[in-house]
């Protein structure tokens, strides 16, 4: 991924495979803080400590209902591009 762009990427390796199903959100409103939306603690028992060390605040959500239909957080993702307010 890093070879295809000039954007600096950071990576984090977590022991739970399900931890890869997360969303990094960067709200476009002034004064808002980027955050990581990830699966709840019961789903990622071995990854919680590493997630709490991130500089952006992680927010855990339950995905039990999504799992029933075979979906995850990333299947709910919309990419929106906004223009700066004039």
PDB file of N, CA and C in Angstrom:
ATOM      1  N   UNK A   1       0.823  -1.186   0.000  1.00  0.00           N
ATOM      2  CA  UNK A   1       0.000   0.000   0.000  1.00  0.00           C
ATOM      3  C   UNK A   1       0.874   1.258   0.000  1.00  0.00           C
ATOM      4  N   UNK A   2       1.905   1.271   0.823  1.00  0.00           N
ATOM      5  CA  UNK A   2       2.748   2.456   0.938  1.00  0.00           C
ATOM      6  C   UNK A   2       3.448   2.784  -0.378  1.00  0.00           C
ATOM      7  N   UNK A   3       3.736   1.786  -1.194  1.00  0.00           N
ATOM      8  CA  UNK A   3       4.416   2.023  -2.463  1.00  0.00           C
ATOM      9  C   UNK A   3       3.505   2.677  -3.498  1.00  0.00           C
ATOM     10  N   UNK A   4       2.204   2.639  -3.289  1.00  0.00           N
ATOM     11  CA  UNK A   4       1.253   3.168  -4.262  1.00  0.00           C
ATOM     12  C   UNK A   4       0.816   4.601  -3.991  1.00  0.00           C
ATOM     13  N   UNK A   5       1.283   5.203  -2.924  1.00  0.00           N
ATOM     14  CA  UNK A   5       0.818   6.542  -2.573  1.00  0.00           C
ATOM     15  C   UNK A   5       1.928   7.358  -1.933  1.00  0.00           C
ATOM     16  N   UNK A   6       1.716   8.654  -1.870  1.00  0.00           N
ATOM     17  CA  UNK A   6       2.677   9.509  -1.180  1.00  0.00           C
ATOM     18  C   UNK A   6       2.188   9.848   0.233  1.00  0.00           C
ATOM     19  N   UNK A   7       1.046   9.277   0.642  1.00  0.00           N
ATOM     20  CA  UNK A   7       0.518   9.497   1.987  1.00  0.00           C
ATOM     21  C   UNK A   7       1.271   8.610   2.974  1.00  0.00           C
ATOM     22  N   UNK A   8       1.718   9.150   4.098  1.00  0.00           N
ATOM     23  CA  UNK A   8       2.438   8.321   5.072  1.00  0.00           C
ATOM     24  C   UNK A   8       1.472   7.422   5.853  1.00  0.00           C
ATOM     25  N   UNK A   9       1.679   6.125   5.785  1.00  0.00           N
ATOM     26  CA  UNK A   9       0.840   5.169   6.493  1.00  0.00           C
ATOM     27  C   UNK A   9       1.586   4.609   7.696  1.00  0.00           C
ATOM     28  N   UNK A  10       0.855   4.327   8.744  1.00  0.00           N
ATOM     29  CA  UNK A  10       1.396   3.618   9.896  1.00  0.00           C
ATOM     30  C   UNK A  10       0.618   2.317  10.008  1.00  0.00           C
ATOM     31  N   UNK A  11       1.260   1.280  10.477  1.00  0.00           N
ATOM     32  CA  UNK A  11       0.560   0.000  10.603  1.00  0.00           C
ATOM     33  C   UNK A  11       0.651  -0.494  12.042  1.00  0.00           C
ATOM     34  N   UNK A  12      -0.303  -1.304  12.405  1.00  0.00           N
ATOM     35  CA  UNK A  12      -0.369  -1.900  13.729  1.00  0.00           C
ATOM     36  C   UNK A  12      -0.730  -3.367  13.535  1.00  0.00           C
ATOM     37  N   UNK A  13       0.076  -4.262  14.082  1.00  0.00           N
ATOM     38  CA  UNK A  13      -0.188  -5.691  13.975  1.00  0.00           C
ATOM     39  C   UNK A  13      -0.854  -6.161  15.259  1.00  0.00           C
ATOM     40  N   UNK A  14      -2.011  -6.803  15.113  1.00  0.00           N
ATOM     41  CA  UNK A  14      -2.779  -7.280  16.262  1.00  0.00           C
ATOM     42  C   UNK A  14      -2.941  -8.792  16.181  1.00  0.00           C
ATOM     43  N   UNK A  15      -2.989  -9.483  17.329  1.00  0.00           N
ATOM     44  CA  UNK A  15      -3.060 -10.944  17.317  1.00  0.00           C
ATOM     45  C   UNK A  15      -4.404 -11.526  16.881  1.00  0.00           C
ATOM     46  N   UNK A  16      -5.482 -10.771  16.977  1.00  0.00           N
ATOM     47  CA  UNK A  16      -6.801 -11.279  16.587  1.00  0.00           C
ATOM     48  C   UNK A  16      -7.074 -10.943  15.127  1.00  0.00           C
ATOM     49  N   UNK A  17      -7.400 -11.949  14.311  1.00  0.00           N
ATOM     50  CA  UNK A  17      -7.713 -11.708  12.899  1.00  0.00           C
ATOM     51  C   UNK A  17      -8.891 -10.754  12.729  1.00  0.00           C
ATOM     52  N   UNK A  18      -9.868 -10.849  13.602  1.00  0.00           N
ATOM     53  CA  UNK A  18     -11.058  -9.999  13.503  1.00  0.00           C
ATOM     54  C   UNK A  18     -10.742  -8.524  13.746  1.00  0.00           C
ATOM     55  N   UNK A  19      -9.579  -8.226  14.297  1.00  0.00           N
ATOM     56  CA  UNK A  19      -9.203  -6.835  14.567  1.00  0.00           C
ATOM     57  C   UNK A  19      -8.979  -6.045  13.283  1.00  0.00           C
ATOM     58  N   UNK A  20      -8.794  -6.726  12.169  1.00  0.00           N
ATOM     59  CA  UNK A  20      -8.599  -6.007  10.903  1.00  0.00           C
ATOM     60  C   UNK A  20      -9.890  -5.353  10.420  1.00  0.00           C
ATOM     61  N   UNK A  21     -11.012  -5.759  10.968  1.00  0.00           N
ATOM     62  CA  UNK A  21     -12.300  -5.182  10.590  1.00  0.00           C
ATOM     63  C   UNK A  21     -12.567  -3.954  11.458  1.00  0.00           C
ATOM     64  N   UNK A  22     -11.991  -2.828  11.062  1.00  0.00           N
ATOM     65  CA  UNK A  22     -12.153  -1.586  11.810  1.00  0.00           C
ATOM     66  C   UNK A  22     -12.208  -0.425  10.822  1.00  0.00           C
ATOM     67  N   UNK A  23     -12.620   0.721  11.311  1.00  0.00           N
ATOM     68  CA  UNK A  23     -12.712   1.921  10.481  1.00  0.00           C
ATOM     69  C   UNK A  23     -11.991   3.061  11.176  1.00  0.00           C
ATOM     70  N   UNK A  24     -11.134   3.763  10.442  1.00  0.00           N
ATOM     71  CA  UNK A  24     -10.509   4.976  10.965  1.00  0.00           C
ATOM     72  C   UNK A  24     -11.309   6.146  10.415  1.00  0.00           C
ATOM     73  N   UNK A  25     -11.897   6.914  11.294  1.00  0.00           N
ATOM     74  CA  UNK A  25     -12.770   8.011  10.889  1.00  0.00           C
ATOM     75  C   UNK A  25     -12.121   9.348  11.208  1.00  0.00           C
ATOM     76  N   UNK A  26     -12.151  10.208  10.222  1.00  0.00           N
ATOM     77  CA  UNK A  26     -11.597  11.548  10.379  1.00  0.00           C
ATOM     78  C   UNK A  26     -12.709  12.538  10.034  1.00  0.00           C
ATOM     79  N   UNK A  27     -13.517  12.928  11.040  1.00  0.00           N
ATOM     80  CA  UNK A  27     -14.617  13.854  10.768  1.00  0.00           C
ATOM     81  C   UNK A  27     -14.101  15.161  10.178  1.00  0.00           C
ATOM     82  N   UNK A  28     -14.866  15.718   9.251  1.00  0.00           N
ATOM     83  CA  UNK A  28     -14.440  16.933   8.572  1.00  0.00           C
ATOM     84  C   UNK A  28     -14.819  18.219   9.270  1.00  0.00           C
ATOM     85  N   UNK A  29     -15.420  18.127  10.428  1.00  0.00           N
ATOM     86  CA  UNK A  29     -15.834  19.334  11.130  1.00  0.00           C
ATOM     87  C   UNK A  29     -14.681  19.915  11.937  1.00  0.00           C
ATOM     88  N   UNK A  30     -14.565  21.236  11.983  1.00  0.00           N
ATOM     89  CA  UNK A  30     -13.496  21.859  12.779  1.00  0.00           C
ATOM     90  C   UNK A  30     -13.610  21.456  14.251  1.00  0.00           C
ATOM     91  N   UNK A  31     -12.483  21.180  14.860  1.00  0.00           N
ATOM     92  CA  UNK A  31     -12.458  20.837  16.274  1.00  0.00           C
ATOM     93  C   UNK A  31     -12.755  19.387  16.588  1.00  0.00           C
ATOM     94  N   UNK A  32     -12.984  18.556  15.578  1.00  0.00           N
ATOM     95  CA  UNK A  32     -13.250  17.138  15.830  1.00  0.00           C
ATOM     96  C   UNK A  32     -11.952  16.341  15.784  1.00  0.00           C
ATOM     97  N   UNK A  33     -11.923  15.249  16.503  1.00  0.00           N
ATOM     98  CA  UNK A  33     -10.736  14.412  16.607  1.00  0.00           C
ATOM     99  C   UNK A  33     -10.938  13.117  15.826  1.00  0.00           C
ATOM    100  N   UNK A  34      -9.948  12.693  15.050  1.00  0.00           N
ATOM    101  CA  UNK A  34     -10.052  11.395  14.374  1.00  0.00           C
ATOM    102  C   UNK A  34     -10.142  10.271  15.409  1.00  0.00           C
ATOM    103  N   UNK A  35     -10.780   9.163  15.044  1.00  0.00           N
ATOM    104  CA  UNK A  35     -10.882   8.044  15.973  1.00  0.00           C
ATOM    105  C   UNK A  35     -10.969   6.731  15.209  1.00  0.00           C
ATOM    106  N   UNK A  36     -10.677   5.658  15.918  1.00  0.00           N
ATOM    107  CA  UNK A  36     -10.732   4.312  15.361  1.00  0.00           C
ATOM    108  C   UNK A  36     -11.971   3.617  15.909  1.00  0.00           C
ATOM    109  N   UNK A  37     -12.830   3.149  15.020  1.00  0.00           N
ATOM    110  CA  UNK A  37     -14.030   2.403  15.391  1.00  0.00           C
ATOM    111  C   UNK A  37     -13.697   0.923  15.205  1.00  0.00           C
ATOM    112  N   UNK A  38     -13.759   0.143  16.285  1.00  0.00           N
ATOM    113  CA  UNK A  38     -13.364  -1.268  16.203  1.00  0.00           C
ATOM    114  C   UNK A  38     -14.355  -2.149  16.949  1.00  0.00           C
ATOM    115  N   UNK A  39     -14.224  -3.438  16.751  1.00  0.00           N
ATOM    116  CA  UNK A  39     -15.108  -4.408  17.403  1.00  0.00           C
ATOM    117  C   UNK A  39     -14.875  -4.404  18.906  1.00  0.00           C
ATOM    118  N   UNK A  40     -15.925  -4.723  19.660  1.00  0.00           N
ATOM    119  CA  UNK A  40     -15.872  -4.690  21.122  1.00  0.00           C
ATOM    120  C   UNK A  40     -14.899  -5.679  21.731  1.00  0.00           C
ATOM    121  N   UNK A  41     -14.597  -5.458  23.014  1.00  0.00           N
ATOM    122  CA  UNK A  41     -13.594  -6.226  23.738  1.00  0.00           C
ATOM    123  C   UNK A  41     -13.810  -7.722  23.757  1.00  0.00           C
ATOM    124  N   UNK A  42     -15.058  -8.174  23.823  1.00  0.00           N
ATOM    125  CA  UNK A  42     -15.318  -9.605  23.829  1.00  0.00           C
ATOM    126  C   UNK A  42     -14.913 -10.273  22.531  1.00  0.00           C
ATOM    127  N   UNK A  43     -14.933  -9.503  21.437  1.00  0.00           N
ATOM    128  CA  UNK A  43     -14.569 -10.042  20.126  1.00  0.00           C
ATOM    129  C   UNK A  43     -13.056 -10.078  19.916  1.00  0.00           C
ATOM    130  N   UNK A  44     -12.325  -9.222  20.618  1.00  0.00           N
ATOM    131  CA  UNK A  44     -10.879  -9.085  20.412  1.00  0.00           C
ATOM    132  C   UNK A  44     -10.122  -9.169  21.738  1.00  0.00           C
ATOM    133  N   UNK A  45     -10.180 -10.283  22.436  1.00  0.00           N
ATOM    134  CA  UNK A  45      -9.581 -10.337  23.771  1.00  0.00           C
ATOM    135  C   UNK A  45      -8.071 -10.107  23.799  1.00  0.00           C
ATOM    136  N   UNK A  46      -7.367 -10.498  22.757  1.00  0.00           N
ATOM    137  CA  UNK A  46      -5.907 -10.372  22.750  1.00  0.00           C
ATOM    138  C   UNK A  46      -5.416  -9.052  22.173  1.00  0.00           C
ATOM    139  N   UNK A  47      -6.304  -8.242  21.638  1.00  0.00           N
ATOM    140  CA  UNK A  47      -5.894  -7.007  20.966  1.00  0.00           C
ATOM    141  C   UNK A  47      -6.237  -5.739  21.742  1.00  0.00           C
ATOM    142  N   UNK A  48      -6.987  -5.854  22.826  1.00  0.00           N
ATOM    143  CA  UNK A  48      -7.450  -4.669  23.549  1.00  0.00           C
ATOM    144  C   UNK A  48      -6.311  -3.790  24.057  1.00  0.00           C
ATOM    145  N   UNK A  49      -5.276  -4.390  24.597  1.00  0.00           N
ATOM    146  CA  UNK A  49      -4.168  -3.613  25.154  1.00  0.00           C
ATOM    147  C   UNK A  49      -3.485  -2.774  24.075  1.00  0.00           C
ATOM    148  N   UNK A  50      -3.230  -3.362  22.924  1.00  0.00           N
ATOM    149  CA  UNK A  50      -2.585  -2.627  21.830  1.00  0.00           C
ATOM    150  C   UNK A  50      -3.491  -1.523  21.296  1.00  0.00           C
ATOM    151  N   UNK A  51      -4.789  -1.776  21.201  1.00  0.00           N
ATOM    152  CA  UNK A  51      -5.723  -0.762  20.702  1.00  0.00           C
ATOM    153  C   UNK A  51      -5.788   0.440  21.637  1.00  0.00           C
ATOM    154  N   UNK A  52      -5.683   0.214  22.934  1.00  0.00           N
ATOM    155  CA  UNK A  52      -5.757   1.315  23.894  1.00  0.00           C
ATOM    156  C   UNK A  52      -4.511   2.200  23.857  1.00  0.00           C
ATOM    157  N   UNK A  53      -3.428   1.736  23.259  1.00  0.00           N
ATOM    158  CA  UNK A  53      -2.186   2.514  23.180  1.00  0.00           C
ATOM    159  C   UNK A  53      -2.151   3.462  21.985  1.00  0.00           C
ATOM    160  N   UNK A  54      -3.157   3.410  21.122  1.00  0.00           N
ATOM    161  CA  UNK A  54      -3.180   4.275  19.938  1.00  0.00           C
ATOM    162  C   UNK A  54      -3.319   5.739  20.333  1.00  0.00           C
ATOM    163  N   UNK A  55      -2.749   6.621  19.523  1.00  0.00           N
ATOM    164  CA  UNK A  55      -2.848   8.052  19.819  1.00  0.00           C
ATOM    165  C   UNK A  55      -4.260   8.577  19.580  1.00  0.00           C
ATOM    166  N   UNK A  56      -4.981   8.005  18.609  1.00  0.00           N
ATOM    167  CA  UNK A  56      -6.370   8.379  18.386  1.00  0.00           C
ATOM    168  C   UNK A  56      -7.237   7.559  19.332  1.00  0.00           C
ATOM    169  N   UNK A  57      -8.282   8.146  19.885  1.00  0.00           N
ATOM    170  CA  UNK A  57      -9.110   7.384  20.824  1.00  0.00           C
ATOM    171  C   UNK A  57      -9.883   6.270  20.120  1.00  0.00           C
ATOM    172  N   UNK A  58      -9.712   5.010  20.554  1.00  0.00           N
ATOM    173  CA  UNK A  58     -10.483   3.920  19.951  1.00  0.00           C
ATOM    174  C   UNK A  58     -11.884   3.847  20.560  1.00  0.00           C
ATOM    175  N   UNK A  59     -12.873   3.532  19.745  1.00  0.00           N
ATOM    176  CA  UNK A  59     -14.249   3.382  20.212  1.00  0.00           C
ATOM    177  C   UNK A  59     -14.700   1.973  19.846  1.00  0.00           C
ATOM    178  N   UNK A  60     -15.059   1.197  20.858  1.00  0.00           N
ATOM    179  CA  UNK A  60     -15.482  -0.188  20.644  1.00  0.00           C
ATOM    180  C   UNK A  60     -16.988  -0.253  20.423  1.00  0.00           C
ATOM    181  N   UNK A  61     -17.403  -1.063  19.461  1.00  0.00           N
ATOM    182  CA  UNK A  61     -18.826  -1.284  19.201  1.00  0.00           C
ATOM    183  C   UNK A  61     -19.079  -2.789  19.104  1.00  0.00           C
ATOM    184  N   UNK A  62     -20.270  -3.193  19.469  1.00  0.00           N
ATOM    185  CA  UNK A  62     -20.651  -4.600  19.366  1.00  0.00           C
ATOM    186  C   UNK A  62     -21.045  -4.910  17.925  1.00  0.00           C
ATOM    187  N   UNK A  63     -20.546  -6.004  17.419  1.00  0.00           N
ATOM    188  CA  UNK A  63     -20.848  -6.398  16.035  1.00  0.00           C
ATOM    189  C   UNK A  63     -21.641  -7.697  15.979  1.00  0.00           C
ATOM    190  N   UNK A  64     -22.238  -8.102  17.080  1.00  0.00           N
ATOM    191  CA  UNK A  64     -22.920  -9.399  17.117  1.00  0.00           C
ATOM    192  C   UNK A  64     -24.062  -9.486  16.106  1.00  0.00           C
ATOM    193  N   UNK A  65     -24.811  -8.416  15.921  1.00  0.00           N
ATOM    194  CA  UNK A  65     -25.911  -8.444  14.953  1.00  0.00           C
ATOM    195  C   UNK A  65     -25.382  -8.472  13.519  1.00  0.00           C
ATOM    196  N   UNK A  66     -24.285  -7.769  13.263  1.00  0.00           N
ATOM    197  CA  UNK A  66     -23.682  -7.791  11.930  1.00  0.00           C
ATOM    198  C   UNK A  66     -23.156  -9.180  11.591  1.00  0.00           C
ATOM    199  N   UNK A  67     -22.585  -9.859  12.586  1.00  0.00           N
ATOM    200  CA  UNK A  67     -22.036 -11.193  12.359  1.00  0.00           C
ATOM    201  C   UNK A  67     -23.115 -12.192  11.958  1.00  0.00           C
ATOM    202  N   UNK A  68     -24.341 -11.992  12.417  1.00  0.00           N
ATOM    203  CA  UNK A  68     -25.432 -12.909  12.084  1.00  0.00           C
ATOM    204  C   UNK A  68     -25.717 -12.938  10.584  1.00  0.00           C
ATOM    205  N   UNK A  69     -25.444 -11.837   9.909  1.00  0.00           N
ATOM    206  CA  UNK A  69     -25.673 -11.778   8.461  1.00  0.00           C
ATOM    207  C   UNK A  69     -24.360 -11.842   7.684  1.00  0.00           C
ATOM    208  N   UNK A  70     -23.273 -12.154   8.383  1.00  0.00           N
ATOM    209  CA  UNK A  70     -21.987 -12.303   7.721  1.00  0.00           C
ATOM    210  C   UNK A  70     -21.333 -10.995   7.322  1.00  0.00           C
ATOM    211  N   UNK A  71     -21.651  -9.925   8.022  1.00  0.00           N
ATOM    212  CA  UNK A  71     -21.083  -8.616   7.691  1.00  0.00           C
ATOM    213  C   UNK A  71     -20.195  -8.125   8.829  1.00  0.00           C
ATOM    214  N   UNK A  72     -19.459  -7.080   8.556  1.00  0.00           N
ATOM    215  CA  UNK A  72     -18.605  -6.468   9.560  1.00  0.00           C
ATOM    216  C   UNK A  72     -18.662  -4.956   9.455  1.00  0.00           C
ATOM    217  N   UNK A  73     -17.847  -4.293  10.255  1.00  0.00           N
ATOM    218  CA  UNK A  73     -17.832  -2.829  10.244  1.00  0.00           C
ATOM    219  C   UNK A  73     -17.489  -2.259   8.878  1.00  0.00           C
ATOM    220  N   UNK A  74     -16.508  -2.847   8.223  1.00  0.00           N
ATOM    221  CA  UNK A  74     -16.061  -2.295   6.942  1.00  0.00           C
ATOM    222  C   UNK A  74     -17.134  -2.386   5.862  1.00  0.00           C
ATOM    223  N   UNK A  75     -18.117  -3.262   6.019  1.00  0.00           N
ATOM    224  CA  UNK A  75     -19.191  -3.338   5.027  1.00  0.00           C
ATOM    225  C   UNK A  75     -20.173  -2.181   5.171  1.00  0.00           C
ATOM    226  N   UNK A  76     -20.065  -1.416   6.238  1.00  0.00           N
ATOM    227  CA  UNK A  76     -20.937  -0.266   6.463  1.00  0.00           C
ATOM    228  C   UNK A  76     -20.278   1.047   6.052  1.00  0.00           C
ATOM    229  N   UNK A  77     -19.114   0.971   5.457  1.00  0.00           N
ATOM    230  CA  UNK A  77     -18.304   2.157   5.185  1.00  0.00           C
ATOM    231  C   UNK A  77     -18.766   2.928   3.955  1.00  0.00           C
ATOM    232  N   UNK A  78     -18.841   4.232   4.089  1.00  0.00           N
ATOM    233  CA  UNK A  78     -19.068   5.148   2.972  1.00  0.00           C
ATOM    234  C   UNK A  78     -17.907   6.122   2.940  1.00  0.00           C
ATOM    235  N   UNK A  79     -17.334   6.354   1.787  1.00  0.00           N
ATOM    236  CA  UNK A  79     -16.255   7.321   1.656  1.00  0.00           C
ATOM    237  C   UNK A  79     -16.856   8.608   1.124  1.00  0.00           C
ATOM    238  N   UNK A  80     -16.737   9.658   1.905  1.00  0.00           N
ATOM    239  CA  UNK A  80     -17.291  10.950   1.522  1.00  0.00           C
ATOM    240  C   UNK A  80     -16.171  11.958   1.382  1.00  0.00           C
ATOM    241  N   UNK A  81     -16.214  12.714   0.334  1.00  0.00           N
ATOM    242  CA  UNK A  81     -15.247  13.785   0.133  1.00  0.00           C
ATOM    243  C   UNK A  81     -15.998  15.101   0.252  1.00  0.00           C
ATOM    244  N   UNK A  82     -15.534  15.946   1.136  1.00  0.00           N
ATOM    245  CA  UNK A  82     -16.197  17.235   1.324  1.00  0.00           C
ATOM    246  C   UNK A  82     -15.249  18.359   0.964  1.00  0.00           C
ATOM    247  N   UNK A  83     -15.821  19.431   0.527  1.00  0.00           N
ATOM    248  CA  UNK A  83     -15.020  20.616   0.225  1.00  0.00           C
ATOM    249  C   UNK A  83     -14.949  21.490   1.464  1.00  0.00           C
ATOM    250  N   UNK A  84     -13.858  22.225   1.624  1.00  0.00           N
ATOM    251  CA  UNK A  84     -13.768  23.136   2.773  1.00  0.00           C
ATOM    252  C   UNK A  84     -14.889  24.177   2.705  1.00  0.00           C
ATOM    253  N   UNK A  85     -15.389  24.539   3.868  1.00  0.00           N
ATOM    254  CA  UNK A  85     -16.435  25.556   3.925  1.00  0.00           C
ATOM    255  C   UNK A  85     -15.865  26.905   3.531  1.00  0.00           C
ATOM    256  N   UNK A  86     -16.620  27.651   2.742  1.00  0.00           N
ATOM    257  CA  UNK A  86     -16.164  28.969   2.283  1.00  0.00           C
ATOM    258  C   UNK A  86     -16.507  30.041   3.284  1.00  0.00           C
TER     259      UNK A  86
END
